[in-house]
Amino acid sequence: MDRTVRGTTAAALPVAAAAAVYGWSHWCFAGATAPSTAVAVPIGAVLIAGATTACFRLVGGNAGFFGALLLALGLLTTVAVADRVAVRGEVADCAVVEVHGKPQASFGEGGPPTRTVYRHVLRCPGGYPSELKDDHRLAAPGGRLRVAYDPDRRVSSEVEGARSPWAPLLLALALLGAATALAARRPPPEPGPPSR
């Protein structure tokens, strides 16, 4: 493949892959005719693996390896953006029945500190959602939470207005921008045959 075409294709790959992964994720989270999780996850994994493999092969060397790694992280973060913007079309005023904290230790030396995941058992009109999990206590037993949820149960429920898509969006843009910069960098010209 011609070096110019190869370089242009490699530089365009992160944007095209991000658009494809975001479109697939958005449809899987929000589409009325979306596939089941058993179909959605493997196809999403194939999209991400295919894009990272293509990046590595097009760019090659260390730049290809790190570009593919940044691209994979950027595409996974793009899925998180799609989850954050997915419509949770219903809101329920729920009573907190119980709160259980469970420590989750990290493994390995030098890993992150132990964190506690709080499981809030809820009583909501209609019986759903029945629980919320978070890294901090959202309310004490007897308290109330306004919970946004998807009646089709494609995305997890959350406290109304609690999560913004801006943090994962900015992270995805940074990772995809770095992958694009590595893919677009031009290698030095190959030396010609030695002169006599």
N, C-alpha and C. Protein backbone atom coordinates (compact mmCIF):
# COMPACT_ATOMS: atom_id res chain seq x y z
N MET A 1 0.86 -1.19 0.00
CA MET A 1 0.00 0.00 0.00
C MET A 1 0.90 1.23 0.00
N ASP A 2 0.56 2.22 -0.81
CA ASP A 2 1.31 3.47 -0.90
C ASP A 2 1.39 4.13 0.48
N ARG A 3 2.56 4.70 0.82
CA ARG A 3 2.76 5.27 2.17
C ARG A 3 1.80 6.40 2.47
N THR A 4 1.47 7.23 1.47
CA THR A 4 0.56 8.34 1.71
C THR A 4 -0.85 7.84 2.01
N VAL A 5 -1.30 6.87 1.21
CA VAL A 5 -2.63 6.29 1.43
C VAL A 5 -2.67 5.58 2.78
N ARG A 6 -1.60 4.86 3.09
CA ARG A 6 -1.53 4.15 4.37
C ARG A 6 -1.59 5.13 5.54
N GLY A 7 -0.84 6.22 5.45
CA GLY A 7 -0.82 7.23 6.51
C GLY A 7 -2.17 7.92 6.67
N THR A 8 -2.82 8.24 5.56
CA THR A 8 -4.13 8.89 5.62
C THR A 8 -5.17 7.94 6.21
N THR A 9 -5.12 6.67 5.80
CA THR A 9 -6.06 5.68 6.32
C THR A 9 -5.85 5.50 7.82
N ALA A 10 -4.58 5.41 8.25
CA ALA A 10 -4.27 5.24 9.67
C ALA A 10 -4.75 6.43 10.49
N ALA A 11 -4.58 7.66 9.95
CA ALA A 11 -4.99 8.86 10.67
C ALA A 11 -6.51 8.98 10.76
N ALA A 12 -7.22 8.48 9.75
CA ALA A 12 -8.69 8.55 9.75
C ALA A 12 -9.33 7.42 10.56
N LEU A 13 -8.58 6.37 10.81
CA LEU A 13 -9.13 5.19 11.48
C LEU A 13 -9.72 5.48 12.87
N PRO A 14 -9.04 6.22 13.77
CA PRO A 14 -9.64 6.46 15.09
C PRO A 14 -11.00 7.16 15.03
N VAL A 15 -11.14 8.13 14.13
CA VAL A 15 -12.41 8.85 14.03
C VAL A 15 -13.50 7.92 13.49
N ALA A 16 -13.18 7.16 12.45
CA ALA A 16 -14.16 6.24 11.87
C ALA A 16 -14.54 5.15 12.87
N ALA A 17 -13.54 4.61 13.58
CA ALA A 17 -13.82 3.56 14.56
C ALA A 17 -14.67 4.10 15.71
N ALA A 18 -14.36 5.31 16.19
CA ALA A 18 -15.14 5.90 17.28
C ALA A 18 -16.58 6.13 16.85
N ALA A 19 -16.78 6.59 15.61
CA ALA A 19 -18.14 6.80 15.11
C ALA A 19 -18.90 5.48 15.04
N ALA A 20 -18.23 4.42 14.55
CA ALA A 20 -18.88 3.12 14.44
C ALA A 20 -19.22 2.54 15.81
N VAL A 21 -18.27 2.61 16.75
CA VAL A 21 -18.49 2.06 18.09
C VAL A 21 -19.56 2.86 18.83
N TYR A 22 -19.52 4.19 18.70
CA TYR A 22 -20.54 5.00 19.37
C TYR A 22 -21.93 4.70 18.78
N GLY A 23 -22.02 4.63 17.45
CA GLY A 23 -23.30 4.34 16.81
C GLY A 23 -23.85 2.99 17.24
N TRP A 24 -22.98 1.98 17.26
CA TRP A 24 -23.42 0.65 17.68
C TRP A 24 -23.87 0.66 19.14
N SER A 25 -23.07 1.27 20.02
CA SER A 25 -23.39 1.32 21.45
C SER A 25 -24.68 2.08 21.70
N HIS A 26 -24.82 3.22 21.03
CA HIS A 26 -26.02 4.04 21.21
C HIS A 26 -27.27 3.26 20.81
N TRP A 27 -27.19 2.58 19.68
CA TRP A 27 -28.33 1.79 19.23
C TRP A 27 -28.62 0.65 20.22
N CYS A 28 -27.58 -0.02 20.70
CA CYS A 28 -27.77 -1.12 21.65
C CYS A 28 -28.35 -0.65 22.97
N PHE A 29 -27.99 0.56 23.41
CA PHE A 29 -28.51 1.08 24.67
C PHE A 29 -29.91 1.67 24.51
N ALA A 30 -30.22 2.24 23.34
CA ALA A 30 -31.45 3.02 23.22
C ALA A 30 -32.40 2.56 22.13
N GLY A 31 -31.94 1.72 21.23
CA GLY A 31 -32.79 1.36 20.10
C GLY A 31 -33.94 0.45 20.48
N ALA A 32 -35.11 0.73 19.93
CA ALA A 32 -36.28 -0.09 20.22
C ALA A 32 -36.11 -1.50 19.66
N THR A 33 -35.36 -1.63 18.57
CA THR A 33 -35.14 -2.93 17.95
C THR A 33 -33.72 -3.42 18.19
N ALA A 34 -33.08 -2.95 19.25
CA ALA A 34 -31.68 -3.30 19.53
C ALA A 34 -31.53 -4.79 19.81
N PRO A 35 -30.35 -5.33 19.50
CA PRO A 35 -30.13 -6.75 19.76
C PRO A 35 -29.97 -7.04 21.25
N SER A 36 -30.01 -8.30 21.60
CA SER A 36 -29.81 -8.70 22.99
C SER A 36 -28.35 -8.47 23.38
N THR A 37 -28.08 -8.49 24.67
CA THR A 37 -26.72 -8.30 25.17
C THR A 37 -25.80 -9.39 24.64
N ALA A 38 -26.31 -10.61 24.49
CA ALA A 38 -25.51 -11.72 23.98
C ALA A 38 -25.03 -11.48 22.55
N VAL A 39 -25.71 -10.65 21.81
CA VAL A 39 -25.31 -10.30 20.44
C VAL A 39 -24.53 -8.98 20.44
N ALA A 40 -24.99 -8.01 21.23
CA ALA A 40 -24.41 -6.67 21.22
C ALA A 40 -22.96 -6.65 21.68
N VAL A 41 -22.66 -7.34 22.77
CA VAL A 41 -21.31 -7.30 23.33
C VAL A 41 -20.28 -7.93 22.39
N PRO A 42 -20.51 -9.14 21.84
CA PRO A 42 -19.51 -9.69 20.93
C PRO A 42 -19.28 -8.85 19.67
N ILE A 43 -20.34 -8.28 19.13
CA ILE A 43 -20.16 -7.45 17.93
C ILE A 43 -19.38 -6.18 18.29
N GLY A 44 -19.67 -5.58 19.44
CA GLY A 44 -18.89 -4.43 19.90
C GLY A 44 -17.43 -4.79 20.10
N ALA A 45 -17.18 -5.97 20.68
CA ALA A 45 -15.80 -6.41 20.89
C ALA A 45 -15.07 -6.62 19.56
N VAL A 46 -15.78 -7.16 18.57
CA VAL A 46 -15.17 -7.35 17.25
C VAL A 46 -14.84 -6.00 16.61
N LEU A 47 -15.74 -5.01 16.75
CA LEU A 47 -15.46 -3.67 16.21
C LEU A 47 -14.19 -3.08 16.84
N ILE A 48 -14.08 -3.18 18.17
CA ILE A 48 -12.92 -2.62 18.86
C ILE A 48 -11.65 -3.38 18.50
N ALA A 49 -11.71 -4.71 18.52
CA ALA A 49 -10.53 -5.52 18.19
C ALA A 49 -10.09 -5.30 16.74
N GLY A 50 -11.06 -5.21 15.83
CA GLY A 50 -10.73 -4.97 14.43
C GLY A 50 -10.06 -3.63 14.21
N ALA A 51 -10.57 -2.59 14.87
CA ALA A 51 -9.98 -1.25 14.72
C ALA A 51 -8.57 -1.20 15.29
N THR A 52 -8.37 -1.82 16.46
CA THR A 52 -7.03 -1.77 17.06
C THR A 52 -6.03 -2.60 16.25
N THR A 53 -6.47 -3.73 15.72
CA THR A 53 -5.59 -4.55 14.88
C THR A 53 -5.22 -3.79 13.60
N ALA A 54 -6.20 -3.14 13.00
CA ALA A 54 -5.92 -2.35 11.78
C ALA A 54 -4.95 -1.22 12.08
N CYS A 55 -5.12 -0.55 13.22
CA CYS A 55 -4.21 0.53 13.61
C CYS A 55 -2.80 0.01 13.76
N PHE A 56 -2.65 -1.11 14.45
CA PHE A 56 -1.32 -1.67 14.66
C PHE A 56 -0.67 -2.05 13.33
N ARG A 57 -1.44 -2.66 12.45
CA ARG A 57 -0.87 -3.10 11.16
C ARG A 57 -0.56 -1.92 10.24
N LEU A 58 -1.41 -0.90 10.25
CA LEU A 58 -1.18 0.25 9.37
C LEU A 58 0.02 1.09 9.83
N VAL A 59 0.15 1.28 11.13
CA VAL A 59 1.20 2.16 11.64
C VAL A 59 2.49 1.40 11.88
N GLY A 60 2.40 0.24 12.51
CA GLY A 60 3.57 -0.60 12.76
C GLY A 60 4.49 -0.05 13.84
N GLY A 61 5.37 -0.91 14.31
CA GLY A 61 6.38 -0.51 15.29
C GLY A 61 5.79 -0.09 16.62
N ASN A 62 6.60 0.66 17.38
CA ASN A 62 6.15 1.14 18.69
C ASN A 62 4.96 2.09 18.57
N ALA A 63 4.99 2.95 17.55
CA ALA A 63 3.87 3.88 17.37
C ALA A 63 2.58 3.11 17.11
N GLY A 64 2.67 2.03 16.36
CA GLY A 64 1.49 1.21 16.10
C GLY A 64 0.98 0.52 17.35
N PHE A 65 1.90 0.02 18.18
CA PHE A 65 1.50 -0.64 19.42
C PHE A 65 0.80 0.34 20.36
N PHE A 66 1.46 1.49 20.62
CA PHE A 66 0.87 2.46 21.54
C PHE A 66 -0.37 3.14 20.95
N GLY A 67 -0.36 3.34 19.64
CA GLY A 67 -1.55 3.88 18.98
C GLY A 67 -2.74 2.95 19.12
N ALA A 68 -2.50 1.64 18.94
CA ALA A 68 -3.58 0.66 19.08
C ALA A 68 -4.07 0.60 20.52
N LEU A 69 -3.15 0.69 21.48
CA LEU A 69 -3.54 0.68 22.89
C LEU A 69 -4.38 1.90 23.24
N LEU A 70 -3.94 3.08 22.80
CA LEU A 70 -4.72 4.30 23.05
C LEU A 70 -6.07 4.25 22.34
N LEU A 71 -6.09 3.69 21.14
CA LEU A 71 -7.34 3.57 20.40
C LEU A 71 -8.32 2.65 21.14
N ALA A 72 -7.82 1.51 21.64
CA ALA A 72 -8.70 0.59 22.38
C ALA A 72 -9.28 1.27 23.61
N LEU A 73 -8.45 1.97 24.36
CA LEU A 73 -8.94 2.69 25.55
C LEU A 73 -9.94 3.78 25.16
N GLY A 74 -9.64 4.49 24.08
CA GLY A 74 -10.55 5.54 23.61
C GLY A 74 -11.90 4.98 23.17
N LEU A 75 -11.89 3.81 22.53
CA LEU A 75 -13.14 3.21 22.08
C LEU A 75 -13.96 2.67 23.26
N LEU A 76 -13.29 2.11 24.25
CA LEU A 76 -14.00 1.67 25.46
C LEU A 76 -14.61 2.86 26.19
N THR A 77 -13.90 3.98 26.21
CA THR A 77 -14.44 5.18 26.84
C THR A 77 -15.59 5.73 26.02
N THR A 78 -15.56 5.55 24.72
CA THR A 78 -16.67 5.96 23.86
C THR A 78 -17.94 5.19 24.21
N VAL A 79 -17.80 3.91 24.55
CA VAL A 79 -18.94 3.12 25.00
C VAL A 79 -19.51 3.71 26.30
N ALA A 80 -18.60 4.16 27.19
CA ALA A 80 -19.06 4.79 28.45
C ALA A 80 -19.83 6.08 28.16
N VAL A 81 -19.38 6.84 27.16
CA VAL A 81 -20.11 8.06 26.77
C VAL A 81 -21.51 7.69 26.28
N ALA A 82 -21.61 6.66 25.45
CA ALA A 82 -22.92 6.23 24.95
C ALA A 82 -23.83 5.80 26.09
N ASP A 83 -23.25 5.14 27.11
CA ASP A 83 -24.04 4.74 28.28
C ASP A 83 -24.53 5.97 29.04
N ARG A 84 -23.67 6.96 29.19
CA ARG A 84 -24.05 8.16 29.96
C ARG A 84 -25.15 8.97 29.28
N VAL A 85 -25.14 9.00 27.94
CA VAL A 85 -26.15 9.80 27.24
C VAL A 85 -27.40 9.00 26.88
N ALA A 86 -27.37 7.68 27.15
CA ALA A 86 -28.54 6.86 26.86
C ALA A 86 -29.74 7.37 27.64
N VAL A 87 -30.87 7.37 26.99
CA VAL A 87 -32.09 7.90 27.59
C VAL A 87 -32.60 6.95 28.65
N ARG A 88 -32.77 7.48 29.83
CA ARG A 88 -33.45 6.78 30.90
C ARG A 88 -34.78 7.50 31.04
N GLY A 89 -35.77 7.04 30.26
CA GLY A 89 -36.98 7.80 30.02
C GLY A 89 -37.98 7.89 31.14
N GLU A 90 -37.82 7.14 32.19
CA GLU A 90 -38.77 7.17 33.29
C GLU A 90 -38.06 7.59 34.58
N VAL A 91 -38.79 8.24 35.46
CA VAL A 91 -38.26 8.63 36.76
C VAL A 91 -39.22 8.14 37.83
N ALA A 92 -38.68 7.53 38.88
CA ALA A 92 -39.50 7.03 39.98
C ALA A 92 -39.00 7.64 41.28
N ASP A 93 -39.93 7.95 42.16
CA ASP A 93 -39.60 8.43 43.50
C ASP A 93 -39.57 7.20 44.39
N CYS A 94 -38.36 6.79 44.82
CA CYS A 94 -38.19 5.52 45.51
C CYS A 94 -37.75 5.72 46.96
N ALA A 95 -38.19 4.81 47.82
CA ALA A 95 -37.77 4.80 49.22
C ALA A 95 -36.57 3.88 49.36
N VAL A 96 -35.58 4.32 50.13
CA VAL A 96 -34.41 3.49 50.41
C VAL A 96 -34.75 2.62 51.60
N VAL A 97 -34.74 1.30 51.39
CA VAL A 97 -35.11 0.35 52.44
C VAL A 97 -33.89 -0.03 53.27
N GLU A 98 -32.81 -0.39 52.59
CA GLU A 98 -31.57 -0.80 53.25
C GLU A 98 -30.39 -0.30 52.46
N VAL A 99 -29.24 -0.16 53.14
CA VAL A 99 -27.99 0.17 52.49
C VAL A 99 -26.93 -0.80 53.00
N HIS A 100 -26.28 -1.50 52.08
CA HIS A 100 -25.23 -2.46 52.44
C HIS A 100 -23.92 -2.01 51.80
N GLY A 101 -22.88 -1.85 52.61
CA GLY A 101 -21.56 -1.52 52.09
C GLY A 101 -20.71 -2.76 52.02
N LYS A 102 -20.06 -2.98 50.87
CA LYS A 102 -19.21 -4.15 50.70
C LYS A 102 -17.84 -3.71 50.24
N PRO A 103 -16.79 -3.93 51.07
CA PRO A 103 -15.44 -3.55 50.65
C PRO A 103 -14.97 -4.44 49.49
N GLN A 104 -14.33 -3.81 48.53
CA GLN A 104 -13.76 -4.55 47.41
C GLN A 104 -12.28 -4.24 47.38
N ALA A 105 -11.48 -5.23 47.72
CA ALA A 105 -10.03 -5.05 47.77
C ALA A 105 -9.44 -5.24 46.38
N SER A 106 -8.39 -4.48 46.11
CA SER A 106 -7.67 -4.69 44.87
C SER A 106 -6.59 -5.73 45.13
N PHE A 107 -6.17 -6.38 44.10
CA PHE A 107 -5.17 -7.43 44.24
C PHE A 107 -3.85 -6.95 43.69
N GLY A 108 -2.80 -7.44 44.26
CA GLY A 108 -1.46 -7.08 43.79
C GLY A 108 -0.85 -5.96 44.60
N GLU A 109 0.43 -5.98 44.65
CA GLU A 109 1.15 -4.96 45.40
C GLU A 109 1.11 -3.63 44.65
N GLY A 110 0.85 -2.57 45.39
CA GLY A 110 0.81 -1.24 44.79
C GLY A 110 -0.48 -0.93 44.06
N GLY A 111 -1.49 -1.79 44.20
CA GLY A 111 -2.77 -1.55 43.53
C GLY A 111 -3.53 -0.44 44.23
N PRO A 112 -4.66 -0.05 43.66
CA PRO A 112 -5.46 1.00 44.29
C PRO A 112 -5.97 0.53 45.66
N PRO A 113 -6.28 1.48 46.53
CA PRO A 113 -6.76 1.10 47.86
C PRO A 113 -8.13 0.42 47.79
N THR A 114 -8.47 -0.27 48.87
CA THR A 114 -9.78 -0.92 48.97
C THR A 114 -10.87 0.15 48.86
N ARG A 115 -11.91 -0.16 48.09
CA ARG A 115 -13.03 0.76 47.99
C ARG A 115 -14.29 0.04 48.45
N THR A 116 -15.26 0.82 48.84
CA THR A 116 -16.52 0.26 49.31
C THR A 116 -17.61 0.55 48.29
N VAL A 117 -18.33 -0.49 47.89
CA VAL A 117 -19.47 -0.34 46.99
C VAL A 117 -20.73 -0.45 47.84
N TYR A 118 -21.59 0.56 47.70
CA TYR A 118 -22.83 0.60 48.48
C TYR A 118 -24.00 0.14 47.62
N ARG A 119 -24.71 -0.85 48.13
CA ARG A 119 -25.91 -1.37 47.45
C ARG A 119 -27.11 -0.84 48.21
N HIS A 120 -27.90 -0.03 47.50
CA HIS A 120 -29.10 0.58 48.08
C HIS A 120 -30.31 -0.23 47.63
N VAL A 121 -30.98 -0.88 48.57
CA VAL A 121 -32.20 -1.63 48.27
C VAL A 121 -33.35 -0.63 48.24
N LEU A 122 -34.10 -0.64 47.13
CA LEU A 122 -35.15 0.38 46.91
C LEU A 122 -36.55 -0.24 46.90
N ARG A 123 -37.51 0.58 47.26
CA ARG A 123 -38.93 0.25 47.07
C ARG A 123 -39.49 1.34 46.17
N CYS A 124 -39.72 0.96 44.90
CA CYS A 124 -40.19 1.92 43.90
C CYS A 124 -41.58 1.53 43.43
N PRO A 125 -42.37 2.50 42.97
CA PRO A 125 -43.67 2.16 42.38
C PRO A 125 -43.46 1.20 41.20
N GLY A 126 -44.20 0.13 41.17
CA GLY A 126 -44.06 -0.85 40.10
C GLY A 126 -42.96 -1.87 40.36
N GLY A 127 -42.16 -1.70 41.41
CA GLY A 127 -41.15 -2.68 41.77
C GLY A 127 -39.82 -2.58 41.05
N TYR A 128 -39.68 -1.65 40.12
CA TYR A 128 -38.41 -1.49 39.41
C TYR A 128 -38.05 -0.02 39.36
N PRO A 129 -36.80 0.34 39.56
CA PRO A 129 -35.67 -0.51 39.91
C PRO A 129 -35.73 -0.95 41.37
N SER A 130 -35.05 -2.06 41.66
CA SER A 130 -35.09 -2.58 43.03
C SER A 130 -33.81 -2.27 43.80
N GLU A 131 -32.76 -1.81 43.09
CA GLU A 131 -31.52 -1.46 43.78
C GLU A 131 -30.68 -0.53 42.94
N LEU A 132 -29.79 0.19 43.63
CA LEU A 132 -28.77 1.01 42.99
C LEU A 132 -27.45 0.71 43.66
N LYS A 133 -26.37 0.67 42.88
CA LYS A 133 -25.03 0.50 43.45
C LYS A 133 -24.21 1.74 43.12
N ASP A 134 -23.41 2.16 44.08
CA ASP A 134 -22.57 3.33 43.88
C ASP A 134 -21.36 3.26 44.80
N ASP A 135 -20.36 4.10 44.51
CA ASP A 135 -19.15 4.15 45.33
C ASP A 135 -19.35 4.93 46.62
N HIS A 136 -20.46 5.58 46.76
CA HIS A 136 -20.74 6.29 48.01
C HIS A 136 -22.21 6.13 48.37
N ARG A 137 -22.48 6.40 49.61
CA ARG A 137 -23.85 6.26 50.12
C ARG A 137 -24.70 7.38 49.53
N LEU A 138 -25.78 7.00 48.85
CA LEU A 138 -26.64 7.99 48.20
C LEU A 138 -27.71 8.54 49.15
N ALA A 139 -28.16 7.70 50.07
CA ALA A 139 -29.17 8.10 51.06
C ALA A 139 -29.17 7.06 52.18
N ALA A 140 -29.62 7.47 53.33
CA ALA A 140 -29.73 6.55 54.47
C ALA A 140 -31.03 5.77 54.36
N PRO A 141 -31.13 4.62 55.04
CA PRO A 141 -32.40 3.89 55.06
C PRO A 141 -33.52 4.81 55.55
N GLY A 142 -34.65 4.76 54.87
CA GLY A 142 -35.77 5.65 55.17
C GLY A 142 -35.77 6.90 54.30
N GLY A 143 -34.65 7.18 53.63
CA GLY A 143 -34.57 8.34 52.74
C GLY A 143 -35.25 8.05 51.41
N ARG A 144 -35.26 9.06 50.56
CA ARG A 144 -35.90 8.92 49.25
C ARG A 144 -34.92 9.34 48.17
N LEU A 145 -35.03 8.69 47.02
CA LEU A 145 -34.21 9.01 45.85
C LEU A 145 -35.11 9.09 44.62
N ARG A 146 -34.81 10.07 43.76
CA ARG A 146 -35.47 10.11 42.45
C ARG A 146 -34.55 9.37 41.49
N VAL A 147 -35.04 8.26 40.97
CA VAL A 147 -34.22 7.36 40.17
C VAL A 147 -34.68 7.40 38.72
N ALA A 148 -33.74 7.71 37.82
CA ALA A 148 -34.01 7.66 36.39
C ALA A 148 -33.70 6.25 35.90
N TYR A 149 -34.61 5.68 35.11
CA TYR A 149 -34.39 4.31 34.65
C TYR A 149 -34.97 4.11 33.26
N ASP A 150 -34.50 3.06 32.61
CA ASP A 150 -34.97 2.68 31.29
C ASP A 150 -35.98 1.54 31.49
N PRO A 151 -37.25 1.72 31.12
CA PRO A 151 -38.23 0.65 31.31
C PRO A 151 -37.88 -0.63 30.56
N ASP A 152 -37.09 -0.53 29.49
CA ASP A 152 -36.67 -1.72 28.74
C ASP A 152 -35.44 -2.38 29.36
N ARG A 153 -34.87 -1.75 30.39
CA ARG A 153 -33.74 -2.28 31.16
C ARG A 153 -32.50 -2.52 30.32
N ARG A 154 -32.25 -1.64 29.36
CA ARG A 154 -31.03 -1.75 28.54
C ARG A 154 -29.84 -1.06 29.18
N VAL A 155 -30.10 -0.05 30.00
CA VAL A 155 -29.03 0.66 30.70
C VAL A 155 -29.34 0.65 32.19
N SER A 156 -28.29 0.77 32.99
CA SER A 156 -28.48 0.73 34.44
C SER A 156 -29.18 1.99 34.93
N SER A 157 -29.90 1.83 36.01
CA SER A 157 -30.60 2.97 36.62
C SER A 157 -29.60 3.84 37.36
N GLU A 158 -29.98 5.10 37.58
CA GLU A 158 -29.11 6.02 38.32
C GLU A 158 -29.96 7.11 38.94
N VAL A 159 -29.37 7.79 39.91
CA VAL A 159 -30.05 8.92 40.53
C VAL A 159 -30.25 9.98 39.45
N GLU A 160 -31.43 10.54 39.40
CA GLU A 160 -31.75 11.53 38.37
C GLU A 160 -30.73 12.66 38.36
N GLY A 161 -30.13 12.91 37.19
CA GLY A 161 -29.19 14.01 37.02
C GLY A 161 -27.84 13.82 37.68
N ALA A 162 -27.52 12.60 38.11
CA ALA A 162 -26.28 12.38 38.88
C ALA A 162 -25.03 12.32 38.03
N ARG A 163 -25.14 11.81 36.81
CA ARG A 163 -23.92 11.60 36.02
C ARG A 163 -23.97 12.41 34.73
N SER A 164 -22.85 13.05 34.46
CA SER A 164 -22.72 13.85 33.25
C SER A 164 -21.82 13.10 32.27
N PRO A 165 -22.05 13.26 30.96
CA PRO A 165 -21.18 12.59 29.98
C PRO A 165 -19.88 13.34 29.72
N TRP A 166 -19.68 14.51 30.33
CA TRP A 166 -18.53 15.34 29.96
C TRP A 166 -17.19 14.72 30.30
N ALA A 167 -17.04 14.12 31.48
CA ALA A 167 -15.75 13.54 31.86
C ALA A 167 -15.33 12.41 30.92
N PRO A 168 -16.20 11.40 30.66
CA PRO A 168 -15.77 10.37 29.72
C PRO A 168 -15.62 10.90 28.29
N LEU A 169 -16.41 11.90 27.92
CA LEU A 169 -16.27 12.46 26.57
C LEU A 169 -14.91 13.11 26.39
N LEU A 170 -14.48 13.91 27.37
CA LEU A 170 -13.17 14.56 27.27
C LEU A 170 -12.04 13.54 27.29
N LEU A 171 -12.18 12.50 28.12
CA LEU A 171 -11.16 11.45 28.15
C LEU A 171 -11.11 10.71 26.82
N ALA A 172 -12.27 10.39 26.25
CA ALA A 172 -12.31 9.71 24.95
C ALA A 172 -11.65 10.56 23.87
N LEU A 173 -11.96 11.86 23.86
CA LEU A 173 -11.35 12.75 22.86
C LEU A 173 -9.83 12.81 23.01
N ALA A 174 -9.34 12.85 24.26
CA ALA A 174 -7.89 12.90 24.49
C ALA A 174 -7.23 11.61 24.01
N LEU A 175 -7.81 10.46 24.36
CA LEU A 175 -7.23 9.18 23.95
C LEU A 175 -7.27 9.01 22.44
N LEU A 176 -8.41 9.34 21.82
CA LEU A 176 -8.53 9.20 20.37
C LEU A 176 -7.63 10.20 19.65
N GLY A 177 -7.48 11.41 20.23
CA GLY A 177 -6.57 12.39 19.64
C GLY A 177 -5.13 11.92 19.68
N ALA A 178 -4.72 11.31 20.80
CA ALA A 178 -3.36 10.79 20.91
C ALA A 178 -3.14 9.64 19.93
N ALA A 179 -4.14 8.77 19.78
CA ALA A 179 -4.04 7.66 18.83
C ALA A 179 -3.94 8.19 17.40
N THR A 180 -4.70 9.23 17.09
CA THR A 180 -4.64 9.84 15.75
C THR A 180 -3.29 10.48 15.51
N ALA A 181 -2.74 11.16 16.52
CA ALA A 181 -1.42 11.79 16.37
C ALA A 181 -0.34 10.74 16.11
N LEU A 182 -0.40 9.62 16.80
CA LEU A 182 0.58 8.56 16.55
C LEU A 182 0.39 7.96 15.16
N ALA A 183 -0.85 7.78 14.76
CA ALA A 183 -1.12 7.20 13.44
C ALA A 183 -0.73 8.14 12.31
N ALA A 184 -0.87 9.44 12.55
CA ALA A 184 -0.60 10.42 11.48
C ALA A 184 0.87 10.78 11.35
N ARG A 185 1.66 10.45 12.34
CA ARG A 185 3.08 10.83 12.27
C ARG A 185 3.74 10.10 11.11
N ARG A 186 4.49 10.84 10.36
CA ARG A 186 5.13 10.28 9.17
C ARG A 186 6.48 9.67 9.55
N PRO A 187 6.71 8.41 9.19
CA PRO A 187 8.02 7.83 9.46
C PRO A 187 9.07 8.48 8.56
N PRO A 188 10.33 8.48 8.97
CA PRO A 188 11.35 9.05 8.11
C PRO A 188 11.43 8.26 6.80
N PRO A 189 11.83 8.94 5.71
CA PRO A 189 11.90 8.23 4.44
C PRO A 189 12.92 7.09 4.51
N GLU A 190 12.60 6.02 3.81
CA GLU A 190 13.52 4.88 3.79
C GLU A 190 14.73 5.24 2.95
N PRO A 191 15.92 4.87 3.43
CA PRO A 191 17.12 5.22 2.66
C PRO A 191 17.15 4.47 1.34
N GLY A 192 17.64 5.14 0.34
CA GLY A 192 17.77 4.53 -0.97
C GLY A 192 18.98 3.62 -1.03
N PRO A 193 19.22 3.04 -2.18
CA PRO A 193 20.39 2.16 -2.31
C PRO A 193 21.66 3.00 -2.18
N PRO A 194 22.73 2.39 -1.63
CA PRO A 194 23.98 3.15 -1.48
C PRO A 194 24.54 3.56 -2.82
N SER A 195 25.07 4.79 -2.84
CA SER A 195 25.66 5.29 -4.10
C SER A 195 27.05 4.72 -4.28
N ARG A 196 27.47 4.57 -5.53
CA ARG A 196 28.80 4.02 -5.82
C ARG A 196 29.75 5.09 -6.23
